[in-house]
Full PDB file with SEQRES, HELIX, SHEET, SSBOND, CRYST1, ORIGX, SCALE, CONECT and MASTER records, all heavy atoms in Angstrom:
SEQRES   1 A   42  ALA ALA ILE ASP ARG ARG LEU VAL HIS ASP ALA ALA THR          
SEQRES   2 A   42  LEU GLU SER TRP ALA ARG ARG TRP LEU THR PHE ALA LEU          
SEQRES   3 A   42  GLY PRO ALA GLU GLY VAL VAL VAL ALA THR THR CYS ARG          
SEQRES   4 A   42  ALA ALA ALA                                                  
HELIX    1 AA1 ALA A   11  ARG A   20  1                                  10    
HELIX    2 AA2 TRP A   21  GLY A   31  3                                  11    
HELIX    3 AA3 VAL A   32  ALA A   41  1                                  10    
CRYST1    1.000    1.000    1.000  90.00  90.00  90.00 P 1           1          
ORIGX1      1.000000  0.000000  0.000000        0.00000                         
ORIGX2      0.000000  1.000000  0.000000        0.00000                         
ORIGX3      0.000000  0.000000  1.000000        0.00000                         
SCALE1      1.000000  0.000000  0.000000        0.00000                         
SCALE2      0.000000  1.000000  0.000000        0.00000                         
SCALE3      0.000000  0.000000  1.000000        0.00000                         
ATOM      1  N   ALA A   1      -4.273  -5.038 -12.571  1.00  0.00           N  
ATOM      2  CA  ALA A   1      -3.621  -4.498 -13.769  1.00  0.00           C  
ATOM      3  C   ALA A   1      -2.129  -4.835 -13.772  1.00  0.00           C  
ATOM      4  O   ALA A   1      -1.544  -5.098 -14.825  1.00  0.00           O  
ATOM      5  CB  ALA A   1      -3.823  -2.988 -13.843  1.00  0.00           C  
ATOM      6  N   ALA A   2      -1.510  -4.835 -12.588  1.00  0.00           N  
ATOM      7  CA  ALA A   2      -0.099  -5.214 -12.498  1.00  0.00           C  
ATOM      8  C   ALA A   2       0.096  -6.681 -12.878  1.00  0.00           C  
ATOM      9  O   ALA A   2       1.084  -7.038 -13.527  1.00  0.00           O  
ATOM     10  CB  ALA A   2       0.416  -4.967 -11.075  1.00  0.00           C  
ATOM     11  N   ILE A   3      -0.853  -7.523 -12.512  1.00  0.00           N  
ATOM     12  CA  ILE A   3      -0.798  -8.938 -12.895  1.00  0.00           C  
ATOM     13  C   ILE A   3      -0.982  -9.076 -14.403  1.00  0.00           C  
ATOM     14  O   ILE A   3      -0.281  -9.853 -15.063  1.00  0.00           O  
ATOM     15  CB  ILE A   3      -1.876  -9.736 -12.124  1.00  0.00           C  
ATOM     16  CG1 ILE A   3      -1.534  -9.767 -10.631  1.00  0.00           C  
ATOM     17  CG2 ILE A   3      -2.005 -11.158 -12.679  1.00  0.00           C  
ATOM     18  CD1 ILE A   3      -2.651 -10.308  -9.765  1.00  0.00           C  
ATOM     19  N   ASP A   4      -1.906  -8.307 -14.967  1.00  0.00           N  
ATOM     20  CA  ASP A   4      -2.146  -8.362 -16.398  1.00  0.00           C  
ATOM     21  C   ASP A   4      -0.900  -7.981 -17.187  1.00  0.00           C  
ATOM     22  O   ASP A   4      -0.655  -8.518 -18.271  1.00  0.00           O  
ATOM     23  CB  ASP A   4      -3.309  -7.424 -16.757  1.00  0.00           C  
ATOM     24  CG  ASP A   4      -3.656  -7.437 -18.226  1.00  0.00           C  
ATOM     25  OD1 ASP A   4      -4.186  -8.472 -18.690  1.00  0.00           O  
ATOM     26  OD2 ASP A   4      -3.384  -6.436 -18.918  1.00  0.00           O  
ATOM     27  N   ARG A   5      -0.099  -7.069 -16.643  1.00  0.00           N  
ATOM     28  CA  ARG A   5       1.127  -6.623 -17.310  1.00  0.00           C  
ATOM     29  C   ARG A   5       2.350  -7.458 -16.914  1.00  0.00           C  
ATOM     30  O   ARG A   5       3.477  -7.089 -17.256  1.00  0.00           O  
ATOM     31  CB  ARG A   5       1.372  -5.142 -17.010  1.00  0.00           C  
ATOM     32  CG  ARG A   5       0.263  -4.237 -17.545  1.00  0.00           C  
ATOM     33  CD  ARG A   5       0.572  -2.778 -17.376  1.00  0.00           C  
ATOM     34  NE  ARG A   5      -0.496  -1.950 -17.928  1.00  0.00           N  
ATOM     35  CZ  ARG A   5      -0.415  -0.639 -18.143  1.00  0.00           C  
ATOM     36  NH1 ARG A   5       0.718  -0.008 -17.847  1.00  0.00           N  
ATOM     37  NH2 ARG A   5      -1.428   0.031 -18.644  1.00  0.00           N  
ATOM     38  N   ARG A   6       2.120  -8.520 -16.153  1.00  0.00           N  
ATOM     39  CA  ARG A   6       3.171  -9.447 -15.728  1.00  0.00           C  
ATOM     40  C   ARG A   6       4.182  -8.786 -14.787  1.00  0.00           C  
ATOM     41  O   ARG A   6       5.311  -9.279 -14.618  1.00  0.00           O  
ATOM     42  CB  ARG A   6       3.907 -10.060 -16.932  1.00  0.00           C  
ATOM     43  CG  ARG A   6       3.024 -10.886 -17.841  1.00  0.00           C  
ATOM     44  CD  ARG A   6       2.544 -12.142 -17.140  1.00  0.00           C  
ATOM     45  NE  ARG A   6       3.637 -13.050 -16.834  1.00  0.00           N  
ATOM     46  CZ  ARG A   6       3.527 -14.103 -16.029  1.00  0.00           C  
ATOM     47  NH1 ARG A   6       2.372 -14.358 -15.432  1.00  0.00           N  
ATOM     48  NH2 ARG A   6       4.570 -14.897 -15.800  1.00  0.00           N  
ATOM     49  N   LEU A   7       3.796  -7.682 -14.163  1.00  0.00           N  
ATOM     50  CA  LEU A   7       4.642  -7.087 -13.139  1.00  0.00           C  
ATOM     51  C   LEU A   7       4.582  -7.913 -11.864  1.00  0.00           C  
ATOM     52  O   LEU A   7       5.520  -7.924 -11.069  1.00  0.00           O  
ATOM     53  CB  LEU A   7       4.192  -5.646 -12.855  1.00  0.00           C  
ATOM     54  CG  LEU A   7       4.266  -4.674 -14.026  1.00  0.00           C  
ATOM     55  CD1 LEU A   7       3.636  -3.342 -13.653  1.00  0.00           C  
ATOM     56  CD2 LEU A   7       5.709  -4.487 -14.464  1.00  0.00           C  
ATOM     57  N   VAL A   8       3.453  -8.580 -11.672  1.00  0.00           N  
ATOM     58  CA  VAL A   8       3.271  -9.507 -10.558  1.00  0.00           C  
ATOM     59  C   VAL A   8       2.868 -10.849 -11.156  1.00  0.00           C  
ATOM     60  O   VAL A   8       1.895 -10.920 -11.913  1.00  0.00           O  
ATOM     61  CB  VAL A   8       2.193  -9.010  -9.574  1.00  0.00           C  
ATOM     62  CG1 VAL A   8       1.933 -10.047  -8.487  1.00  0.00           C  
ATOM     63  CG2 VAL A   8       2.600  -7.676  -8.945  1.00  0.00           C  
ATOM     64  N   HIS A   9       3.609 -11.903 -10.806  1.00  0.00           N  
ATOM     65  CA  HIS A   9       3.318 -13.202 -11.427  1.00  0.00           C  
ATOM     66  C   HIS A   9       3.588 -14.385 -10.504  1.00  0.00           C  
ATOM     67  O   HIS A   9       3.365 -15.534 -10.895  1.00  0.00           O  
ATOM     68  CB  HIS A   9       4.123 -13.365 -12.724  1.00  0.00           C  
ATOM     69  CG  HIS A   9       5.589 -13.123 -12.554  1.00  0.00           C  
ATOM     70  ND1 HIS A   9       6.457 -14.095 -12.093  1.00  0.00           N  
ATOM     71  CD2 HIS A   9       6.335 -12.002 -12.760  1.00  0.00           C  
ATOM     72  CE1 HIS A   9       7.673 -13.586 -12.023  1.00  0.00           C  
ATOM     73  NE2 HIS A   9       7.634 -12.317 -12.425  1.00  0.00           N  
ATOM     74  N   ASP A  10       4.083 -14.117  -9.276  1.00  0.00           N  
ATOM     75  CA  ASP A  10       4.326 -15.197  -8.327  1.00  0.00           C  
ATOM     76  C   ASP A  10       4.365 -14.608  -6.920  1.00  0.00           C  
ATOM     77  O   ASP A  10       4.145 -13.396  -6.727  1.00  0.00           O  
ATOM     78  CB  ASP A  10       5.619 -15.950  -8.652  1.00  0.00           C  
ATOM     79  CG  ASP A  10       6.850 -15.055  -8.693  1.00  0.00           C  
ATOM     80  OD1 ASP A  10       6.774 -13.901  -8.207  1.00  0.00           O  
ATOM     81  OD2 ASP A  10       7.892 -15.503  -9.210  1.00  0.00           O  
ATOM     82  N   ALA A  11       4.661 -15.444  -5.923  1.00  0.00           N  
ATOM     83  CA  ALA A  11       4.647 -14.980  -4.537  1.00  0.00           C  
ATOM     84  C   ALA A  11       5.692 -13.896  -4.291  1.00  0.00           C  
ATOM     85  O   ALA A  11       5.445 -12.929  -3.565  1.00  0.00           O  
ATOM     86  CB  ALA A  11       4.863 -16.162  -3.591  1.00  0.00           C  
ATOM     87  N   ALA A  12       6.862 -14.041  -4.883  1.00  0.00           N  
ATOM     88  CA  ALA A  12       7.937 -13.067  -4.657  1.00  0.00           C  
ATOM     89  C   ALA A  12       7.582 -11.691  -5.203  1.00  0.00           C  
ATOM     90  O   ALA A  12       7.800 -10.669  -4.542  1.00  0.00           O  
ATOM     91  CB  ALA A  12       9.235 -13.573  -5.281  1.00  0.00           C  
ATOM     92  N   THR A  13       7.024 -11.651  -6.422  1.00  0.00           N  
ATOM     93  CA  THR A  13       6.663 -10.353  -6.999  1.00  0.00           C  
ATOM     94  C   THR A  13       5.424  -9.769  -6.321  1.00  0.00           C  
ATOM     95  O   THR A  13       5.277  -8.546  -6.233  1.00  0.00           O  
ATOM     96  CB  THR A  13       6.433 -10.475  -8.516  1.00  0.00           C  
ATOM     97  OG1 THR A  13       5.544 -11.578  -8.794  1.00  0.00           O  
ATOM     98  CG2 THR A  13       7.750 -10.706  -9.244  1.00  0.00           C  
ATOM     99  N   LEU A  14       4.532 -10.621  -5.809  1.00  0.00           N  
ATOM    100  CA  LEU A  14       3.394 -10.129  -5.036  1.00  0.00           C  
ATOM    101  C   LEU A  14       3.877  -9.469  -3.746  1.00  0.00           C  
ATOM    102  O   LEU A  14       3.394  -8.395  -3.365  1.00  0.00           O  
ATOM    103  CB  LEU A  14       2.439 -11.275  -4.703  1.00  0.00           C  
ATOM    104  CG  LEU A  14       1.267 -10.935  -3.766  1.00  0.00           C  
ATOM    105  CD1 LEU A  14       0.366  -9.868  -4.382  1.00  0.00           C  
ATOM    106  CD2 LEU A  14       0.468 -12.190  -3.435  1.00  0.00           C  
ATOM    107  N   GLU A  15       4.837 -10.092  -3.087  1.00  0.00           N  
ATOM    108  CA  GLU A  15       5.396  -9.511  -1.859  1.00  0.00           C  
ATOM    109  C   GLU A  15       6.034  -8.152  -2.137  1.00  0.00           C  
ATOM    110  O   GLU A  15       5.815  -7.180  -1.401  1.00  0.00           O  
ATOM    111  CB  GLU A  15       6.435 -10.462  -1.268  1.00  0.00           C  
ATOM    112  CG  GLU A  15       7.094  -9.933  -0.009  1.00  0.00           C  
ATOM    113  CD  GLU A  15       8.181 -10.851   0.515  1.00  0.00           C  
ATOM    114  OE1 GLU A  15       8.167 -12.049   0.173  1.00  0.00           O  
ATOM    115  OE2 GLU A  15       9.047 -10.360   1.273  1.00  0.00           O  
ATOM    116  N   SER A  16       6.804  -8.067  -3.209  1.00  0.00           N  
ATOM    117  CA  SER A  16       7.453  -6.809  -3.565  1.00  0.00           C  
ATOM    118  C   SER A  16       6.423  -5.736  -3.881  1.00  0.00           C  
ATOM    119  O   SER A  16       6.546  -4.581  -3.442  1.00  0.00           O  
ATOM    120  CB  SER A  16       8.373  -7.030  -4.768  1.00  0.00           C  
ATOM    121  OG  SER A  16       8.968  -5.814  -5.168  1.00  0.00           O  
ATOM    122  N   TRP A  17       5.402  -6.104  -4.648  1.00  0.00           N  
ATOM    123  CA  TRP A  17       4.358  -5.141  -5.003  1.00  0.00           C  
ATOM    124  C   TRP A  17       3.622  -4.649  -3.762  1.00  0.00           C  
ATOM    125  O   TRP A  17       3.406  -3.437  -3.601  1.00  0.00           O  
ATOM    126  CB  TRP A  17       3.362  -5.775  -5.975  1.00  0.00           C  
ATOM    127  CG  TRP A  17       2.393  -4.804  -6.566  1.00  0.00           C  
ATOM    128  CD1 TRP A  17       2.509  -4.123  -7.732  1.00  0.00           C  
ATOM    129  CD2 TRP A  17       1.137  -4.384  -5.991  1.00  0.00           C  
ATOM    130  NE1 TRP A  17       1.419  -3.312  -7.925  1.00  0.00           N  
ATOM    131  CE2 TRP A  17       0.568  -3.446  -6.877  1.00  0.00           C  
ATOM    132  CE3 TRP A  17       0.463  -4.712  -4.819  1.00  0.00           C  
ATOM    133  CZ2 TRP A  17      -0.662  -2.840  -6.618  1.00  0.00           C  
ATOM    134  CZ3 TRP A  17      -0.754  -4.100  -4.554  1.00  0.00           C  
ATOM    135  CH2 TRP A  17      -1.304  -3.174  -5.456  1.00  0.00           C  
ATOM    136  N   ALA A  18       3.227  -5.558  -2.873  1.00  0.00           N  
ATOM    137  CA  ALA A  18       2.490  -5.178  -1.674  1.00  0.00           C  
ATOM    138  C   ALA A  18       3.328  -4.265  -0.780  1.00  0.00           C  
ATOM    139  O   ALA A  18       2.826  -3.280  -0.228  1.00  0.00           O  
ATOM    140  CB  ALA A  18       2.059  -6.430  -0.908  1.00  0.00           C  
ATOM    141  N   ARG A  19       4.614  -4.569  -0.640  1.00  0.00           N  
ATOM    142  CA  ARG A  19       5.494  -3.749   0.192  1.00  0.00           C  
ATOM    143  C   ARG A  19       5.594  -2.327  -0.354  1.00  0.00           C  
ATOM    144  O   ARG A  19       5.493  -1.352   0.395  1.00  0.00           O  
ATOM    145  CB  ARG A  19       6.884  -4.400   0.261  1.00  0.00           C  
ATOM    146  CG  ARG A  19       7.887  -3.601   1.072  1.00  0.00           C  
ATOM    147  CD  ARG A  19       9.221  -4.326   1.196  1.00  0.00           C  
ATOM    148  NE  ARG A  19       9.106  -5.479   2.099  1.00  0.00           N  
ATOM    149  CZ  ARG A  19       9.160  -6.737   1.708  1.00  0.00           C  
ATOM    150  NH1 ARG A  19       9.338  -7.038   0.410  1.00  0.00           N  
ATOM    151  NH2 ARG A  19       9.046  -7.718   2.581  1.00  0.00           N  
ATOM    152  N   ARG A  20       5.776  -2.213  -1.658  1.00  0.00           N  
ATOM    153  CA  ARG A  20       5.889  -0.870  -2.258  1.00  0.00           C  
ATOM    154  C   ARG A  20       4.568  -0.127  -2.191  1.00  0.00           C  
ATOM    155  O   ARG A  20       4.538   1.096  -1.967  1.00  0.00           O  
ATOM    156  CB  ARG A  20       6.361  -1.002  -3.707  1.00  0.00           C  
ATOM    157  CG  ARG A  20       7.788  -1.515  -3.825  1.00  0.00           C  
ATOM    158  CD  ARG A  20       8.207  -1.700  -5.265  1.00  0.00           C  
ATOM    159  NE  ARG A  20       9.557  -2.241  -5.356  1.00  0.00           N  
ATOM    160  CZ  ARG A  20      10.167  -2.502  -6.498  1.00  0.00           C  
ATOM    161  NH1 ARG A  20       9.558  -2.285  -7.646  1.00  0.00           N  
ATOM    162  NH2 ARG A  20      11.395  -2.993  -6.485  1.00  0.00           N  
ATOM    163  N   TRP A  21       3.462  -0.827  -2.391  1.00  0.00           N  
ATOM    164  CA  TRP A  21       2.146  -0.191  -2.318  1.00  0.00           C  
ATOM    165  C   TRP A  21       1.899   0.375  -0.923  1.00  0.00           C  
ATOM    166  O   TRP A  21       1.467   1.523  -0.776  1.00  0.00           O  
ATOM    167  CB  TRP A  21       1.078  -1.219  -2.682  1.00  0.00           C  
ATOM    168  CG  TRP A  21      -0.335  -0.749  -2.532  1.00  0.00           C  
ATOM    169  CD1 TRP A  21      -0.926   0.298  -3.178  1.00  0.00           C  
ATOM    170  CD2 TRP A  21      -1.336  -1.306  -1.674  1.00  0.00           C  
ATOM    171  NE1 TRP A  21      -2.240   0.420  -2.784  1.00  0.00           N  
ATOM    172  CE2 TRP A  21      -2.517  -0.554  -1.860  1.00  0.00           C  
ATOM    173  CE3 TRP A  21      -1.345  -2.384  -0.784  1.00  0.00           C  
ATOM    174  CZ2 TRP A  21      -3.696  -0.837  -1.180  1.00  0.00           C  
ATOM    175  CZ3 TRP A  21      -2.508  -2.671  -0.106  1.00  0.00           C  
ATOM    176  CH2 TRP A  21      -3.678  -1.906  -0.299  1.00  0.00           C  
ATOM    177  N   LEU A  22       2.185  -0.397   0.105  1.00  0.00           N  
ATOM    178  CA  LEU A  22       1.995   0.072   1.475  1.00  0.00           C  
ATOM    179  C   LEU A  22       2.924   1.237   1.795  1.00  0.00           C  
ATOM    180  O   LEU A  22       2.518   2.219   2.431  1.00  0.00           O  
ATOM    181  CB  LEU A  22       2.255  -1.069   2.462  1.00  0.00           C  
ATOM    182  CG  LEU A  22       1.277  -2.243   2.442  1.00  0.00           C  
ATOM    183  CD1 LEU A  22       1.801  -3.368   3.334  1.00  0.00           C  
ATOM    184  CD2 LEU A  22      -0.113  -1.817   2.892  1.00  0.00           C  
ATOM    185  N   THR A  23       4.173   1.148   1.330  1.00  0.00           N  
ATOM    186  CA  THR A  23       5.198   2.126   1.707  1.00  0.00           C  
ATOM    187  C   THR A  23       5.054   3.451   0.979  1.00  0.00           C  
ATOM    188  O   THR A  23       5.219   4.523   1.587  1.00  0.00           O  
ATOM    189  CB  THR A  23       6.601   1.549   1.434  1.00  0.00           C  
ATOM    190  OG1 THR A  23       6.754   0.325   2.158  1.00  0.00           O  
ATOM    191  CG2 THR A  23       7.689   2.528   1.842  1.00  0.00           C  
ATOM    192  N   PHE A  24       4.737   3.399  -0.301  1.00  0.00           N  
ATOM    193  CA  PHE A  24       4.771   4.617  -1.108  1.00  0.00           C  
ATOM    194  C   PHE A  24       3.401   5.162  -1.506  1.00  0.00           C  
ATOM    195  O   PHE A  24       3.298   6.333  -1.869  1.00  0.00           O  
ATOM    196  CB  PHE A  24       5.597   4.380  -2.378  1.00  0.00           C  
ATOM    197  CG  PHE A  24       7.014   3.992  -2.104  1.00  0.00           C  
ATOM    198  CD1 PHE A  24       7.486   2.724  -2.400  1.00  0.00           C  
ATOM    199  CD2 PHE A  24       7.888   4.897  -1.522  1.00  0.00           C  
ATOM    200  CE1 PHE A  24       8.797   2.361  -2.143  1.00  0.00           C  
ATOM    201  CE2 PHE A  24       9.209   4.550  -1.257  1.00  0.00           C  
ATOM    202  CZ  PHE A  24       9.662   3.274  -1.560  1.00  0.00           C  
ATOM    203  N   ALA A  25       2.370   4.354  -1.456  1.00  0.00           N  
ATOM    204  CA  ALA A  25       1.040   4.800  -1.892  1.00  0.00           C  
ATOM    205  C   ALA A  25       0.060   4.877  -0.728  1.00  0.00           C  
ATOM    206  O   ALA A  25      -0.338   5.971  -0.307  1.00  0.00           O  
ATOM    207  CB  ALA A  25       0.510   3.868  -2.984  1.00  0.00           C  
ATOM    208  N   LEU A  26      -0.324   3.754  -0.179  1.00  0.00           N  
ATOM    209  CA  LEU A  26      -1.356   3.742   0.862  1.00  0.00           C  
ATOM    210  C   LEU A  26      -0.887   4.395   2.154  1.00  0.00           C  
ATOM    211  O   LEU A  26      -1.585   5.235   2.729  1.00  0.00           O  
ATOM    212  CB  LEU A  26      -1.790   2.300   1.133  1.00  0.00           C  
ATOM    213  CG  LEU A  26      -2.936   2.185   2.136  1.00  0.00           C  
ATOM    214  CD1 LEU A  26      -4.284   2.318   1.428  1.00  0.00           C  
ATOM    215  CD2 LEU A  26      -2.885   0.860   2.890  1.00  0.00           C  
ATOM    216  N   GLY A  27       0.282   4.008   2.628  1.00  0.00           N  
ATOM    217  CA  GLY A  27       0.750   4.503   3.918  1.00  0.00           C  
ATOM    218  C   GLY A  27       0.842   6.020   4.017  1.00  0.00           C  
ATOM    219  O   GLY A  27       0.246   6.618   4.922  1.00  0.00           O  
ATOM    220  N   PRO A  28       1.572   6.687   3.112  1.00  0.00           N  
ATOM    221  CA  PRO A  28       1.724   8.137   3.231  1.00  0.00           C  
ATOM    222  C   PRO A  28       0.424   8.923   3.041  1.00  0.00           C  
ATOM    223  O   PRO A  28       0.350  10.084   3.448  1.00  0.00           O  
ATOM    224  CB  PRO A  28       2.714   8.469   2.105  1.00  0.00           C  
ATOM    225  CG  PRO A  28       3.430   7.199   1.830  1.00  0.00           C  
ATOM    226  CD  PRO A  28       2.414   6.124   2.046  1.00  0.00           C  
ATOM    227  N   ALA A  29      -0.567   8.323   2.448  1.00  0.00           N  
ATOM    228  CA  ALA A  29      -1.840   9.017   2.231  1.00  0.00           C  
ATOM    229  C   ALA A  29      -2.872   8.569   3.267  1.00  0.00           C  
ATOM    230  O   ALA A  29      -3.083   9.240   4.280  1.00  0.00           O  
ATOM    231  CB  ALA A  29      -2.340   8.758   0.808  1.00  0.00           C  
ATOM    232  N   GLU A  30      -3.496   7.426   3.042  1.00  0.00           N  
ATOM    233  CA  GLU A  30      -4.535   6.955   3.953  1.00  0.00           C  
ATOM    234  C   GLU A  30      -3.992   6.668   5.357  1.00  0.00           C  
ATOM    235  O   GLU A  30      -4.682   6.890   6.348  1.00  0.00           O  
ATOM    236  CB  GLU A  30      -5.206   5.706   3.394  1.00  0.00           C  
ATOM    237  CG  GLU A  30      -6.193   5.990   2.272  1.00  0.00           C  
ATOM    238  CD  GLU A  30      -5.577   5.766   0.904  1.00  0.00           C  
ATOM    239  OE1 GLU A  30      -4.363   6.028   0.763  1.00  0.00           O  
ATOM    240  OE2 GLU A  30      -6.301   5.326  -0.010  1.00  0.00           O  
ATOM    241  N   GLY A  31      -2.745   6.190   5.443  1.00  0.00           N  
ATOM    242  CA  GLY A  31      -2.173   5.921   6.758  1.00  0.00           C  
ATOM    243  C   GLY A  31      -2.079   7.166   7.615  1.00  0.00           C  
ATOM    244  O   GLY A  31      -2.431   7.156   8.806  1.00  0.00           O  
ATOM    245  N   VAL A  32      -1.618   8.266   7.042  1.00  0.00           N  
ATOM    246  CA  VAL A  32      -1.518   9.526   7.783  1.00  0.00           C  
ATOM    247  C   VAL A  32      -2.909  10.049   8.129  1.00  0.00           C  
ATOM    248  O   VAL A  32      -3.132  10.593   9.220  1.00  0.00           O  
ATOM    249  CB  VAL A  32      -0.713  10.560   6.976  1.00  0.00           C  
ATOM    250  CG1 VAL A  32      -0.698  11.913   7.685  1.00  0.00           C  
ATOM    251  CG2 VAL A  32       0.716  10.072   6.760  1.00  0.00           C  
ATOM    252  N   VAL A  33      -3.859   9.897   7.220  1.00  0.00           N  
ATOM    253  CA  VAL A  33      -5.228  10.328   7.507  1.00  0.00           C  
ATOM    254  C   VAL A  33      -5.802   9.549   8.679  1.00  0.00           C  
ATOM    255  O   VAL A  33      -6.479  10.106   9.548  1.00  0.00           O  
ATOM    256  CB  VAL A  33      -6.123  10.182   6.255  1.00  0.00           C  
ATOM    257  CG1 VAL A  33      -7.602  10.286   6.617  1.00  0.00           C  
ATOM    258  CG2 VAL A  33      -5.756  11.256   5.236  1.00  0.00           C  
ATOM    259  N   VAL A  34      -5.547   8.251   8.733  1.00  0.00           N  
ATOM    260  CA  VAL A  34      -6.033   7.439   9.852  1.00  0.00           C  
ATOM    261  C   VAL A  34      -5.444   7.937  11.169  1.00  0.00           C  
ATOM    262  O   VAL A  34      -6.160   8.094  12.171  1.00  0.00           O  
ATOM    263  CB  VAL A  34      -5.706   5.953   9.626  1.00  0.00           C  
ATOM    264  CG1 VAL A  34      -5.834   5.159  10.926  1.00  0.00           C  
ATOM    265  CG2 VAL A  34      -6.644   5.371   8.584  1.00  0.00           C  
ATOM    266  N   ALA A  35      -4.145   8.193  11.200  1.00  0.00           N  
ATOM    267  CA  ALA A  35      -3.519   8.691  12.428  1.00  0.00           C  
ATOM    268  C   ALA A  35      -4.109  10.035  12.835  1.00  0.00           C  
ATOM    269  O   ALA A  35      -4.409  10.272  14.019  1.00  0.00           O  
ATOM    270  CB  ALA A  35      -2.009   8.820  12.218  1.00  0.00           C  
ATOM    271  N   THR A  36      -4.293  10.911  11.868  1.00  0.00           N  
ATOM    272  CA  THR A  36      -4.825  12.244  12.141  1.00  0.00           C  
ATOM    273  C   THR A  36      -6.253  12.193  12.651  1.00  0.00           C  
ATOM    274  O   THR A  36      -6.605  12.856  13.633  1.00  0.00           O  
ATOM    275  CB  THR A  36      -4.759  13.109  10.863  1.00  0.00           C  
ATOM    276  OG1 THR A  36      -3.408  13.205  10.423  1.00  0.00           O  
ATOM    277  CG2 THR A  36      -5.299  14.497  11.131  1.00  0.00           C  
ATOM    278  N   THR A  37      -7.091  11.413  11.984  1.00  0.00           N  
ATOM    279  CA  THR A  37      -8.498  11.354  12.395  1.00  0.00           C  
ATOM    280  C   THR A  37      -8.660  10.617  13.717  1.00  0.00           C  
ATOM    281  O   THR A  37      -9.584  10.914  14.485  1.00  0.00           O  
ATOM    282  CB  THR A  37      -9.365  10.688  11.316  1.00  0.00           C  
ATOM    283  OG1 THR A  37      -8.812   9.413  10.964  1.00  0.00           O  
ATOM    284  CG2 THR A  37      -9.435  11.557  10.066  1.00  0.00           C  
ATOM    285  N   CYS A  38      -7.767   9.687  14.010  1.00  0.00           N  
ATOM    286  CA  CYS A  38      -7.801   9.014  15.303  1.00  0.00           C  
ATOM    287  C   CYS A  38      -7.532  10.023  16.426  1.00  0.00           C  
ATOM    288  O   CYS A  38      -8.267  10.070  17.424  1.00  0.00           O  
ATOM    289  CB  CYS A  38      -6.780   7.884  15.332  1.00  0.00           C  
ATOM    290  SG  CYS A  38      -6.756   6.920  16.849  1.00  0.00           S  
ATOM    291  N   ARG A  39      -6.501  10.831  16.261  1.00  0.00           N  
ATOM    292  CA  ARG A  39      -6.209  11.869  17.259  1.00  0.00           C  
ATOM    293  C   ARG A  39      -7.348  12.867  17.365  1.00  0.00           C  
ATOM    294  O   ARG A  39      -7.749  13.272  18.460  1.00  0.00           O  
ATOM    295  CB  ARG A  39      -4.918  12.605  16.886  1.00  0.00           C  
ATOM    296  CG  ARG A  39      -3.637  11.872  17.214  1.00  0.00           C  
ATOM    297  CD  ARG A  39      -2.435  12.801  17.119  1.00  0.00           C  
ATOM    298  NE  ARG A  39      -2.246  13.293  15.763  1.00  0.00           N  
ATOM    299  CZ  ARG A  39      -1.498  12.676  14.844  1.00  0.00           C  
ATOM    300  NH1 ARG A  39      -0.891  11.538  15.134  1.00  0.00           N  
ATOM    301  NH2 ARG A  39      -1.365  13.185  13.638  1.00  0.00           N  
ATOM    302  N   ALA A  40      -7.873  13.275  16.212  1.00  0.00           N  
ATOM    303  CA  ALA A  40      -8.930  14.292  16.203  1.00  0.00           C  
ATOM    304  C   ALA A  40     -10.213  13.780  16.850  1.00  0.00           C  
ATOM    305  O   ALA A  40     -10.879  14.508  17.602  1.00  0.00           O  
ATOM    306  CB  ALA A  40      -9.205  14.741  14.769  1.00  0.00           C  
ATOM    307  N   ALA A  41     -10.571  12.533  16.571  1.00  0.00           N  
ATOM    308  CA  ALA A  41     -11.795  11.979  17.161  1.00  0.00           C  
ATOM    309  C   ALA A  41     -11.671  11.879  18.672  1.00  0.00           C  
ATOM    310  O   ALA A  41     -12.637  12.131  19.410  1.00  0.00           O  
ATOM    311  CB  ALA A  41     -12.101  10.613  16.556  1.00  0.00           C  
ATOM    312  N   ALA A  42     -10.491  11.513  19.152  1.00  0.00           N  
ATOM    313  CA  ALA A  42     -10.278  11.428  20.596  1.00  0.00           C  
ATOM    314  C   ALA A  42     -10.415  12.792  21.261  1.00  0.00           C  
ATOM    315  O   ALA A  42     -10.800  12.888  22.436  1.00  0.00           O  
ATOM    316  CB  ALA A  42      -8.902  10.837  20.884  1.00  0.00           C  
TER     317      ALA A  42                                                      
MASTER        0    0    0    3    0    0    0    6  316    1    0    4          
END                                                                             
């Protein structure tokens, strides 16, 4: 959808999008869950 809206259109904008996605969306949610469940499973 970001590509469709021309927010991502080349390697530079893909890099920026991926960095922000990891930092602000995936990391604080799924990343913390992975750390928590790893400790809990152990």
